[in-house]
Amino acid sequence: VKFIRKRIESAFSVITQRFPAHIHAVTSHGFELKVFLFILAYGIEKTML
């Protein structure tokens, strides 16, 4: 269980480090979309390496 938690925390840490300092979004839906796309891009990049 600790291994899984550490793995999730490590992945989340890497994702948040790659986020820009400011995410400009007009609506909450736009914000959710941008966050989703950042996470998706991280996942794609991770599988490509």
PDB file of N, CA and C in Angstrom:
ATOM      1  N   VAL A   1       0.828  -1.193   0.000  1.00  0.00           N
ATOM      2  CA  VAL A   1       0.000   0.000   0.000  1.00  0.00           C
ATOM      3  C   VAL A   1       0.874   1.260   0.000  1.00  0.00           C
ATOM      4  N   LYS A   2       1.949   1.243   0.804  1.00  0.00           N
ATOM      5  CA  LYS A   2       2.834   2.414   0.847  1.00  0.00           C
ATOM      6  C   LYS A   2       3.515   2.637  -0.501  1.00  0.00           C
ATOM      7  N   PHE A   3       3.859   1.517  -1.176  1.00  0.00           N
ATOM      8  CA  PHE A   3       4.504   1.629  -2.480  1.00  0.00           C
ATOM      9  C   PHE A   3       3.585   2.313  -3.487  1.00  0.00           C
ATOM     10  N   ILE A   4       2.327   1.924  -3.491  1.00  0.00           N
ATOM     11  CA  ILE A   4       1.355   2.506  -4.421  1.00  0.00           C
ATOM     12  C   ILE A   4       1.163   3.989  -4.107  1.00  0.00           C
ATOM     13  N   ARG A   5       1.047   4.312  -2.825  1.00  0.00           N
ATOM     14  CA  ARG A   5       0.858   5.712  -2.434  1.00  0.00           C
ATOM     15  C   ARG A   5       2.055   6.555  -2.845  1.00  0.00           C
ATOM     16  N   LYS A   6       3.265   6.059  -2.609  1.00  0.00           N
ATOM     17  CA  LYS A   6       4.465   6.807  -2.976  1.00  0.00           C
ATOM     18  C   LYS A   6       4.540   7.009  -4.485  1.00  0.00           C
ATOM     19  N   ARG A   7       4.160   5.993  -5.240  1.00  0.00           N
ATOM     20  CA  ARG A   7       4.178   6.097  -6.702  1.00  0.00           C
ATOM     21  C   ARG A   7       3.198   7.167  -7.185  1.00  0.00           C
ATOM     22  N   ILE A   8       2.009   7.184  -6.606  1.00  0.00           N
ATOM     23  CA  ILE A   8       0.999   8.179  -6.981  1.00  0.00           C
ATOM     24  C   ILE A   8       1.471   9.579  -6.603  1.00  0.00           C
ATOM     25  N   GLU A   9       2.013   9.725  -5.400  1.00  0.00           N
ATOM     26  CA  GLU A   9       2.494  11.035  -4.954  1.00  0.00           C
ATOM     27  C   GLU A   9       3.644  11.523  -5.823  1.00  0.00           C
ATOM     28  N   SER A  10       4.524  10.629  -6.219  1.00  0.00           N
ATOM     29  CA  SER A  10       5.644  11.008  -7.079  1.00  0.00           C
ATOM     30  C   SER A  10       5.150  11.472  -8.450  1.00  0.00           C
ATOM     31  N   ALA A  11       4.213  10.737  -9.019  1.00  0.00           N
ATOM     32  CA  ALA A  11       3.663  11.114 -10.325  1.00  0.00           C
ATOM     33  C   ALA A  11       2.949  12.460 -10.233  1.00  0.00           C
ATOM     34  N   PHE A  12       2.162  12.665  -9.180  1.00  0.00           N
ATOM     35  CA  PHE A  12       1.451  13.932  -9.012  1.00  0.00           C
ATOM     36  C   PHE A  12       2.439  15.080  -8.848  1.00  0.00           C
ATOM     37  N   SER A  13       3.536  14.842  -8.135  1.00  0.00           N
ATOM     38  CA  SER A  13       4.552  15.870  -7.943  1.00  0.00           C
ATOM     39  C   SER A  13       5.175  16.279  -9.271  1.00  0.00           C
ATOM     40  N   VAL A  14       5.484  15.304 -10.112  1.00  0.00           N
ATOM     41  CA  VAL A  14       6.078  15.603 -11.420  1.00  0.00           C
ATOM     42  C   VAL A  14       5.089  16.378 -12.288  1.00  0.00           C
ATOM     43  N   ILE A  15       3.832  15.965 -12.270  1.00  0.00           N
ATOM     44  CA  ILE A  15       2.814  16.648 -13.070  1.00  0.00           C
ATOM     45  C   ILE A  15       2.666  18.094 -12.619  1.00  0.00           C
ATOM     46  N   THR A  16       2.577  18.340 -11.318  1.00  0.00           N
ATOM     47  CA  THR A  16       2.389  19.712 -10.832  1.00  0.00           C
ATOM     48  C   THR A  16       3.617  20.582 -11.082  1.00  0.00           C
ATOM     49  N   GLN A  17       4.811  19.991 -11.111  1.00  0.00           N
ATOM     50  CA  GLN A  17       6.016  20.769 -11.428  1.00  0.00           C
ATOM     51  C   GLN A  17       5.989  21.261 -12.869  1.00  0.00           C
ATOM     52  N   ARG A  18       5.356  20.512 -13.740  1.00  0.00           N
ATOM     53  CA  ARG A  18       5.311  20.878 -15.156  1.00  0.00           C
ATOM     54  C   ARG A  18       4.183  21.848 -15.496  1.00  0.00           C
ATOM     55  N   PHE A  19       3.270  22.059 -14.570  1.00  0.00           N
ATOM     56  CA  PHE A  19       2.193  23.020 -14.798  1.00  0.00           C
ATOM     57  C   PHE A  19       2.776  24.419 -14.911  1.00  0.00           C
ATOM     58  N   PRO A  20       2.189  25.260 -15.722  1.00  0.00           N
ATOM     59  CA  PRO A  20       2.626  26.656 -15.752  1.00  0.00           C
ATOM     60  C   PRO A  20       2.260  27.345 -14.439  1.00  0.00           C
ATOM     61  N   ALA A  21       2.905  28.453 -14.171  1.00  0.00           N
ATOM     62  CA  ALA A  21       2.647  29.181 -12.926  1.00  0.00           C
ATOM     63  C   ALA A  21       1.204  29.687 -12.864  1.00  0.00           C
ATOM     64  N   HIS A  22       0.618  29.936 -14.021  1.00  0.00           N
ATOM     65  CA  HIS A  22      -0.740  30.478 -14.072  1.00  0.00           C
ATOM     66  C   HIS A  22      -1.498  29.792 -15.202  1.00  0.00           C
ATOM     67  N   ILE A  23      -2.695  29.314 -14.919  1.00  0.00           N
ATOM     68  CA  ILE A  23      -3.552  28.730 -15.950  1.00  0.00           C
ATOM     69  C   ILE A  23      -4.689  29.707 -16.197  1.00  0.00           C
ATOM     70  N   HIS A  24      -4.717  30.289 -17.379  1.00  0.00           N
ATOM     71  CA  HIS A  24      -5.777  31.245 -17.700  1.00  0.00           C
ATOM     72  C   HIS A  24      -6.972  30.482 -18.267  1.00  0.00           C
ATOM     73  N   ALA A  25      -8.072  30.556 -17.564  1.00  0.00           N
ATOM     74  CA  ALA A  25      -9.303  29.933 -18.033  1.00  0.00           C
ATOM     75  C   ALA A  25     -10.464  30.828 -17.628  1.00  0.00           C
ATOM     76  N   VAL A  26     -11.393  31.009 -18.537  1.00  0.00           N
ATOM     77  CA  VAL A  26     -12.536  31.887 -18.296  1.00  0.00           C
ATOM     78  C   VAL A  26     -13.624  31.165 -17.502  1.00  0.00           C
ATOM     79  N   THR A  27     -13.806  29.887 -17.773  1.00  0.00           N
ATOM     80  CA  THR A  27     -14.856  29.128 -17.096  1.00  0.00           C
ATOM     81  C   THR A  27     -14.245  27.958 -16.325  1.00  0.00           C
ATOM     82  N   SER A  28     -15.014  27.398 -15.426  1.00  0.00           N
ATOM     83  CA  SER A  28     -14.532  26.233 -14.686  1.00  0.00           C
ATOM     84  C   SER A  28     -14.348  25.040 -15.634  1.00  0.00           C
ATOM     85  N   HIS A  29     -15.200  24.956 -16.639  1.00  0.00           N
ATOM     86  CA  HIS A  29     -15.060  23.881 -17.626  1.00  0.00           C
ATOM     87  C   HIS A  29     -13.743  24.029 -18.389  1.00  0.00           C
ATOM     88  N   GLY A  30     -13.400  25.246 -18.738  1.00  0.00           N
ATOM     89  CA  GLY A  30     -12.138  25.497 -19.434  1.00  0.00           C
ATOM     90  C   GLY A  30     -10.940  25.133 -18.565  1.00  0.00           C
ATOM     91  N   PHE A  31     -11.018  25.438 -17.287  1.00  0.00           N
ATOM     92  CA  PHE A  31      -9.951  25.094 -16.352  1.00  0.00           C
ATOM     93  C   PHE A  31      -9.801  23.574 -16.247  1.00  0.00           C
ATOM     94  N   GLU A  32     -10.934  22.889 -16.086  1.00  0.00           N
ATOM     95  CA  GLU A  32     -10.901  21.419 -15.996  1.00  0.00           C
ATOM     96  C   GLU A  32     -10.312  20.817 -17.266  1.00  0.00           C
ATOM     97  N   LEU A  33     -10.671  21.365 -18.409  1.00  0.00           N
ATOM     98  CA  LEU A  33     -10.158  20.870 -19.678  1.00  0.00           C
ATOM     99  C   LEU A  33      -8.645  21.035 -19.762  1.00  0.00           C
ATOM    100  N   LYS A  34      -8.140  22.188 -19.367  1.00  0.00           N
ATOM    101  CA  LYS A  34      -6.702  22.428 -19.414  1.00  0.00           C
ATOM    102  C   LYS A  34      -5.953  21.504 -18.460  1.00  0.00           C
ATOM    103  N   VAL A  35      -6.476  21.306 -17.271  1.00  0.00           N
ATOM    104  CA  VAL A  35      -5.838  20.398 -16.324  1.00  0.00           C
ATOM    105  C   VAL A  35      -5.848  18.977 -16.886  1.00  0.00           C
ATOM    106  N   PHE A  36      -6.973  18.554 -17.433  1.00  0.00           N
ATOM    107  CA  PHE A  36      -7.069  17.228 -18.032  1.00  0.00           C
ATOM    108  C   PHE A  36      -6.049  17.057 -19.156  1.00  0.00           C
ATOM    109  N   LEU A  37      -5.912  18.069 -20.001  1.00  0.00           N
ATOM    110  CA  LEU A  37      -4.974  17.966 -21.116  1.00  0.00           C
ATOM    111  C   LEU A  37      -3.521  17.920 -20.640  1.00  0.00           C
ATOM    112  N   PHE A  38      -3.200  18.655 -19.566  1.00  0.00           N
ATOM    113  CA  PHE A  38      -1.853  18.570 -18.998  1.00  0.00           C
ATOM    114  C   PHE A  38      -1.572  17.155 -18.517  1.00  0.00           C
ATOM    115  N   ILE A  39      -2.528  16.552 -17.830  1.00  0.00           N
ATOM    116  CA  ILE A  39      -2.354  15.192 -17.320  1.00  0.00           C
ATOM    117  C   ILE A  39      -2.267  14.196 -18.470  1.00  0.00           C
ATOM    118  N   LEU A  40      -3.091  14.374 -19.481  1.00  0.00           N
ATOM    119  CA  LEU A  40      -3.053  13.500 -20.653  1.00  0.00           C
ATOM    120  C   LEU A  40      -1.698  13.593 -21.358  1.00  0.00           C
ATOM    121  N   ALA A  41      -1.196  14.808 -21.518  1.00  0.00           N
ATOM    122  CA  ALA A  41       0.111  14.994 -22.160  1.00  0.00           C
ATOM    123  C   ALA A  41       1.211  14.319 -21.347  1.00  0.00           C
ATOM    124  N   TYR A  42       1.128  14.401 -20.027  1.00  0.00           N
ATOM    125  CA  TYR A  42       2.106  13.736 -19.175  1.00  0.00           C
ATOM    126  C   TYR A  42       2.044  12.227 -19.399  1.00  0.00           C
ATOM    127  N   GLY A  43       0.855  11.684 -19.445  1.00  0.00           N
ATOM    128  CA  GLY A  43       0.699  10.247 -19.652  1.00  0.00           C
ATOM    129  C   GLY A  43       1.246   9.799 -20.995  1.00  0.00           C
ATOM    130  N   ILE A  44       0.997  10.575 -22.033  1.00  0.00           N
ATOM    131  CA  ILE A  44       1.497  10.242 -23.364  1.00  0.00           C
ATOM    132  C   ILE A  44       3.020  10.325 -23.382  1.00  0.00           C
ATOM    133  N   GLU A  45       3.556  11.377 -22.783  1.00  0.00           N
ATOM    134  CA  GLU A  45       5.003  11.530 -22.739  1.00  0.00           C
ATOM    135  C   GLU A  45       5.650  10.378 -21.977  1.00  0.00           C
ATOM    136  N   LYS A  46       5.023   9.976 -20.887  1.00  0.00           N
ATOM    137  CA  LYS A  46       5.551   8.895 -20.052  1.00  0.00           C
ATOM    138  C   LYS A  46       5.584   7.583 -20.830  1.00  0.00           C
ATOM    139  N   THR A  47       4.576   7.319 -21.660  1.00  0.00           N
ATOM    140  CA  THR A  47       4.559   6.075 -22.427  1.00  0.00           C
ATOM    141  C   THR A  47       5.532   6.116 -23.614  1.00  0.00           C
ATOM    142  N   MET A  48       5.857   7.304 -24.091  1.00  0.00           N
ATOM    143  CA  MET A  48       6.777   7.438 -25.227  1.00  0.00           C
ATOM    144  C   MET A  48       8.223   7.215 -24.799  1.00  0.00           C
ATOM    145  N   LEU A  49       8.535   7.436 -23.539  1.00  0.00           N
ATOM    146  CA  LEU A  49       9.931   7.296 -23.083  1.00  0.00           C
ATOM    147  C   LEU A  49      10.236   5.921 -22.689  1.00  0.00           C
TER     148      LEU A  49
END
